[in-house]
């Protein structure tokens, strides 16, 4: 009986080890993508602190960094996955995440907010808000980063 317990313990440890290994392998491409994008961003702006990082999958993939420079000013940088123009804006030149969420709540009355992240479509910096609407649909709501104007919205049945 003792041998079975030891064998079961060894088997369980191997299973956990394999699960961790698979998980790390699955995350590696995203981490590599963010590292490359950060290197490209550092060519344009010297961040001393990165506060948030978003990965936006739209027509093109963008990695978005929010951080501070040496003077303590907050900047947002949109870096395309492949070649393309890197866009840099002061954080205060657009609406904040909380302002975007407040606008969504006022206009769409979501049941549940899932996420809010920065992205870019056709050269327009935007907020992508993902939520569950009153009809239990998975929905996306897009607002312009610059002034909070409505850009588009769409929903999927769950």
C-alpha atoms as a PDB file:
ATOM      1  CA  UNK A   1       0.000   0.000   0.000  1.00  0.00           C
ATOM      2  CA  UNK A   2       2.860   2.354   0.813  1.00  0.00           C
ATOM      3  CA  UNK A   3       4.418   1.764  -2.619  1.00  0.00           C
ATOM      4  CA  UNK A   4       1.158   2.753  -4.334  1.00  0.00           C
ATOM      5  CA  UNK A   5       1.081   6.003  -2.354  1.00  0.00           C
ATOM      6  CA  UNK A   6       4.653   6.830  -3.345  1.00  0.00           C
ATOM      7  CA  UNK A   7       3.957   5.997  -6.998  1.00  0.00           C
ATOM      8  CA  UNK A   8       0.771   8.089  -6.947  1.00  0.00           C
ATOM      9  CA  UNK A   9       2.703  11.011  -5.423  1.00  0.00           C
ATOM     10  CA  UNK A  10       5.433  10.764  -8.080  1.00  0.00           C
ATOM     11  CA  UNK A  11       2.814  10.563 -10.845  1.00  0.00           C
ATOM     12  CA  UNK A  12       1.005  13.604  -9.441  1.00  0.00           C
ATOM     13  CA  UNK A  13       4.259  15.604  -9.259  1.00  0.00           C
ATOM     14  CA  UNK A  14       5.062  14.715 -12.874  1.00  0.00           C
ATOM     15  CA  UNK A  15       1.567  15.784 -13.942  1.00  0.00           C
ATOM     16  CA  UNK A  16       1.871  19.150 -12.175  1.00  0.00           C
ATOM     17  CA  UNK A  17       5.343  19.686 -13.641  1.00  0.00           C
ATOM     18  CA  UNK A  18       4.059  18.957 -17.166  1.00  0.00           C
ATOM     19  CA  UNK A  19       1.071  21.274 -16.707  1.00  0.00           C
ATOM     20  CA  UNK A  20       3.362  24.124 -15.624  1.00  0.00           C
ATOM     21  CA  UNK A  21       5.665  23.442 -18.562  1.00  0.00           C
ATOM     22  CA  UNK A  22       2.797  23.534 -21.080  1.00  0.00           C
ATOM     23  CA  UNK A  23       1.465  26.764 -19.545  1.00  0.00           C
ATOM     24  CA  UNK A  24       4.866  28.475 -19.769  1.00  0.00           C
ATOM     25  CA  UNK A  25       5.309  27.348 -23.369  1.00  0.00           C
ATOM     26  CA  UNK A  26       1.900  28.776 -24.240  1.00  0.00           C
ATOM     27  CA  UNK A  27       2.795  32.177 -22.755  1.00  0.00           C
ATOM     28  CA  UNK A  28       6.233  32.419 -24.370  1.00  0.00           C
ATOM     29  CA  UNK A  29       5.115  33.895 -27.756  1.00  0.00           C
ATOM     30  CA  UNK A  30       3.171  36.690 -26.023  1.00  0.00           C
ATOM     31  CA  UNK A  31       6.083  37.508 -23.704  1.00  0.00           C
ATOM     32  CA  UNK A  32       8.456  37.518 -26.678  1.00  0.00           C
ATOM     33  CA  UNK A  33       6.081  39.815 -28.583  1.00  0.00           C
ATOM     34  CA  UNK A  34       5.951  42.260 -25.653  1.00  0.00           C
ATOM     35  CA  UNK A  35       9.745  42.217 -25.231  1.00  0.00           C
ATOM     36  CA  UNK A  36      10.332  43.015 -28.910  1.00  0.00           C
ATOM     37  CA  UNK A  37       7.711  45.763 -28.831  1.00  0.00           C
ATOM     38  CA  UNK A  38       9.268  47.293 -25.716  1.00  0.00           C
ATOM     39  CA  UNK A  39      12.667  47.386 -27.418  1.00  0.00           C
ATOM     40  CA  UNK A  40      11.108  49.235 -30.374  1.00  0.00           C
ATOM     41  CA  UNK A  41       9.284  51.627 -28.032  1.00  0.00           C
ATOM     42  CA  UNK A  42      12.486  52.426 -26.143  1.00  0.00           C
ATOM     43  CA  UNK A  43      13.987  53.697 -29.406  1.00  0.00           C
ATOM     44  CA  UNK A  44      11.336  56.450 -29.398  1.00  0.00           C
ATOM     45  CA  UNK A  45      10.799  57.160 -25.693  1.00  0.00           C
ATOM     46  CA  UNK A  46      12.802  56.433 -22.550  1.00  0.00           C
ATOM     47  CA  UNK A  47      10.455  54.866 -20.027  1.00  0.00           C
ATOM     48  CA  UNK A  48      11.652  54.727 -16.436  1.00  0.00           C
ATOM     49  CA  UNK A  49       8.527  52.866 -15.329  1.00  0.00           C
ATOM     50  CA  UNK A  50       5.933  50.812 -17.213  1.00  0.00           C
ATOM     51  CA  UNK A  51       2.564  50.853 -15.455  1.00  0.00           C
ATOM     52  CA  UNK A  52       0.412  48.754 -17.810  1.00  0.00           C
ATOM     53  CA  UNK A  53       0.773  46.716 -20.962  1.00  0.00           C
ATOM     54  CA  UNK A  54      -2.063  45.757 -23.291  1.00  0.00           C
ATOM     55  CA  UNK A  55      -2.048  43.476 -26.317  1.00  0.00           C
ATOM     56  CA  UNK A  56      -4.728  44.461 -28.812  1.00  0.00           C
ATOM     57  CA  UNK A  57      -5.737  42.054 -31.570  1.00  0.00           C
ATOM     58  CA  UNK A  58      -7.647  44.023 -34.220  1.00  0.00           C
ATOM     59  CA  UNK A  59      -6.949  44.398 -37.923  1.00  0.00           C
ATOM     60  CA  UNK A  60      -3.328  44.626 -36.788  1.00  0.00           C
ATOM     61  CA  UNK A  61      -1.833  43.532 -33.496  1.00  0.00           C
ATOM     62  CA  UNK A  62      -0.626  46.347 -31.257  1.00  0.00           C
ATOM     63  CA  UNK A  63       1.205  46.228 -27.968  1.00  0.00           C
ATOM     64  CA  UNK A  64       0.337  49.278 -25.897  1.00  0.00           C
ATOM     65  CA  UNK A  65       2.514  50.521 -23.042  1.00  0.00           C
ATOM     66  CA  UNK A  66       1.535  53.073 -20.424  1.00  0.00           C
ATOM     67  CA  UNK A  67       4.484  54.429 -18.517  1.00  0.00           C
ATOM     68  CA  UNK A  68       6.393  57.387 -17.174  1.00  0.00           C
ATOM     69  CA  UNK A  69       9.526  59.047 -18.484  1.00  0.00           C
ATOM     70  CA  UNK A  70      12.405  60.589 -16.491  1.00  0.00           C
ATOM     71  CA  UNK A  71      10.415  63.778 -15.886  1.00  0.00           C
ATOM     72  CA  UNK A  72       7.532  61.747 -14.418  1.00  0.00           C
ATOM     73  CA  UNK A  73       5.187  62.498 -17.313  1.00  0.00           C
ATOM     74  CA  UNK A  74       2.834  59.700 -18.282  1.00  0.00           C
ATOM     75  CA  UNK A  75       2.897  58.539 -21.911  1.00  0.00           C
ATOM     76  CA  UNK A  76       1.066  55.902 -23.921  1.00  0.00           C
ATOM     77  CA  UNK A  77       2.864  54.143 -26.767  1.00  0.00           C
ATOM     78  CA  UNK A  78       1.150  52.022 -29.447  1.00  0.00           C
ATOM     79  CA  UNK A  79       3.646  49.645 -31.071  1.00  0.00           C
ATOM     80  CA  UNK A  80       2.502  47.569 -34.079  1.00  0.00           C
ATOM     81  CA  UNK A  81       3.516  43.905 -34.000  1.00  0.00           C
ATOM     82  CA  UNK A  82       5.101  44.138 -37.419  1.00  0.00           C
ATOM     83  CA  UNK A  83       6.585  47.117 -39.184  1.00  0.00           C
ATOM     84  CA  UNK A  84       4.650  50.317 -38.890  1.00  0.00           C
ATOM     85  CA  UNK A  85       4.488  53.694 -37.253  1.00  0.00           C
ATOM     86  CA  UNK A  86       4.869  53.813 -33.471  1.00  0.00           C
ATOM     87  CA  UNK A  87       2.359  56.265 -31.993  1.00  0.00           C
ATOM     88  CA  UNK A  88       3.219  58.174 -28.808  1.00  0.00           C
ATOM     89  CA  UNK A  89       0.716  60.328 -26.904  1.00  0.00           C
ATOM     90  CA  UNK A  90       0.617  61.970 -23.509  1.00  0.00           C
ATOM     91  CA  UNK A  91      -1.826  60.118 -21.283  1.00  0.00           C
ATOM     92  CA  UNK A  92      -3.637  63.329 -20.434  1.00  0.00           C
ATOM     93  CA  UNK A  93      -4.289  64.021 -24.136  1.00  0.00           C
ATOM     94  CA  UNK A  94      -7.109  61.464 -24.125  1.00  0.00           C
ATOM     95  CA  UNK A  95      -9.763  59.949 -21.933  1.00  0.00           C
ATOM     96  CA  UNK A  96      -8.847  57.671 -19.053  1.00  0.00           C
ATOM     97  CA  UNK A  97      -9.948  54.086 -18.557  1.00  0.00           C
ATOM     98  CA  UNK A  98     -12.424  55.153 -15.863  1.00  0.00           C
ATOM     99  CA  UNK A  99     -13.907  57.831 -18.160  1.00  0.00           C
ATOM    100  CA  UNK A 100     -14.320  55.247 -20.939  1.00  0.00           C
ATOM    101  CA  UNK A 101     -16.014  52.823 -18.527  1.00  0.00           C
ATOM    102  CA  UNK A 102     -18.301  55.569 -17.210  1.00  0.00           C
ATOM    103  CA  UNK A 103     -19.349  56.402 -20.772  1.00  0.00           C
ATOM    104  CA  UNK A 104     -20.077  52.724 -21.492  1.00  0.00           C
ATOM    105  CA  UNK A 105     -22.159  52.410 -18.320  1.00  0.00           C
ATOM    106  CA  UNK A 106     -24.119  55.565 -19.126  1.00  0.00           C
ATOM    107  CA  UNK A 107     -24.857  54.580 -22.723  1.00  0.00           C
ATOM    108  CA  UNK A 108     -25.118  50.758 -22.737  1.00  0.00           C
ATOM    109  CA  UNK A 109     -25.849  49.741 -19.109  1.00  0.00           C
ATOM    110  CA  UNK A 110     -23.740  46.563 -19.146  1.00  0.00           C
ATOM    111  CA  UNK A 111     -24.521  43.653 -16.816  1.00  0.00           C
ATOM    112  CA  UNK A 112     -20.843  42.882 -16.353  1.00  0.00           C
ATOM    113  CA  UNK A 113     -17.663  44.597 -17.507  1.00  0.00           C
ATOM    114  CA  UNK A 114     -15.060  42.079 -18.644  1.00  0.00           C
ATOM    115  CA  UNK A 115     -12.139  44.270 -19.726  1.00  0.00           C
ATOM    116  CA  UNK A 116     -11.024  47.677 -20.892  1.00  0.00           C
ATOM    117  CA  UNK A 117      -7.901  48.029 -22.980  1.00  0.00           C
ATOM    118  CA  UNK A 118      -6.240  50.386 -25.388  1.00  0.00           C
ATOM    119  CA  UNK A 119      -5.807  49.527 -29.050  1.00  0.00           C
ATOM    120  CA  UNK A 120      -5.670  51.059 -32.509  1.00  0.00           C
ATOM    121  CA  UNK A 121      -7.718  50.653 -35.671  1.00  0.00           C
ATOM    122  CA  UNK A 122      -6.896  52.418 -38.953  1.00  0.00           C
ATOM    123  CA  UNK A 123      -4.541  54.814 -37.193  1.00  0.00           C
ATOM    124  CA  UNK A 124      -7.089  55.816 -34.538  1.00  0.00           C
ATOM    125  CA  UNK A 125      -6.131  55.160 -30.899  1.00  0.00           C
ATOM    126  CA  UNK A 126      -9.124  53.700 -29.076  1.00  0.00           C
ATOM    127  CA  UNK A 127     -10.498  52.062 -25.971  1.00  0.00           C
ATOM    128  CA  UNK A 128     -11.932  48.563 -26.449  1.00  0.00           C
ATOM    129  CA  UNK A 129     -14.472  47.768 -23.736  1.00  0.00           C
ATOM    130  CA  UNK A 130     -15.636  44.177 -23.479  1.00  0.00           C
ATOM    131  CA  UNK A 131     -18.805  43.442 -21.515  1.00  0.00           C
ATOM    132  CA  UNK A 132     -21.928  41.317 -21.127  1.00  0.00           C
ATOM    133  CA  UNK A 133     -25.040  43.252 -22.164  1.00  0.00           C
ATOM    134  CA  UNK A 134     -28.645  43.047 -20.899  1.00  0.00           C
ATOM    135  CA  UNK A 135     -29.374  40.176 -23.314  1.00  0.00           C
ATOM    136  CA  UNK A 136     -26.400  38.116 -22.029  1.00  0.00           C
ATOM    137  CA  UNK A 137     -24.441  38.751 -25.214  1.00  0.00           C
ATOM    138  CA  UNK A 138     -20.671  39.115 -25.283  1.00  0.00           C
ATOM    139  CA  UNK A 139     -20.216  42.667 -26.560  1.00  0.00           C
ATOM    140  CA  UNK A 140     -17.484  45.066 -27.657  1.00  0.00           C
ATOM    141  CA  UNK A 141     -17.719  48.847 -27.470  1.00  0.00           C
ATOM    142  CA  UNK A 142     -15.100  51.102 -29.057  1.00  0.00           C
ATOM    143  CA  UNK A 143     -14.443  54.712 -28.063  1.00  0.00           C
ATOM    144  CA  UNK A 144     -11.890  57.127 -29.459  1.00  0.00           C
ATOM    145  CA  UNK A 145      -9.009  57.602 -27.028  1.00  0.00           C
ATOM    146  CA  UNK A 146      -8.680  61.260 -28.008  1.00  0.00           C
ATOM    147  CA  UNK A 147     -12.168  62.522 -27.148  1.00  0.00           C
ATOM    148  CA  UNK A 148     -14.299  59.511 -26.177  1.00  0.00           C
ATOM    149  CA  UNK A 149     -16.500  59.584 -29.260  1.00  0.00           C
ATOM    150  CA  UNK A 150     -18.299  56.387 -30.177  1.00  0.00           C
ATOM    151  CA  UNK A 151     -16.583  54.429 -32.973  1.00  0.00           C
ATOM    152  CA  UNK A 152     -18.375  51.079 -33.210  1.00  0.00           C
ATOM    153  CA  UNK A 153     -19.956  48.263 -31.255  1.00  0.00           C
ATOM    154  CA  UNK A 154     -20.890  44.671 -31.855  1.00  0.00           C
ATOM    155  CA  UNK A 155     -22.214  41.670 -29.927  1.00  0.00           C
ATOM    156  CA  UNK A 156     -22.111  37.877 -30.046  1.00  0.00           C
ATOM    157  CA  UNK A 157     -24.528  35.359 -28.621  1.00  0.00           C
ATOM    158  CA  UNK A 158     -22.987  33.320 -25.809  1.00  0.00           C
END
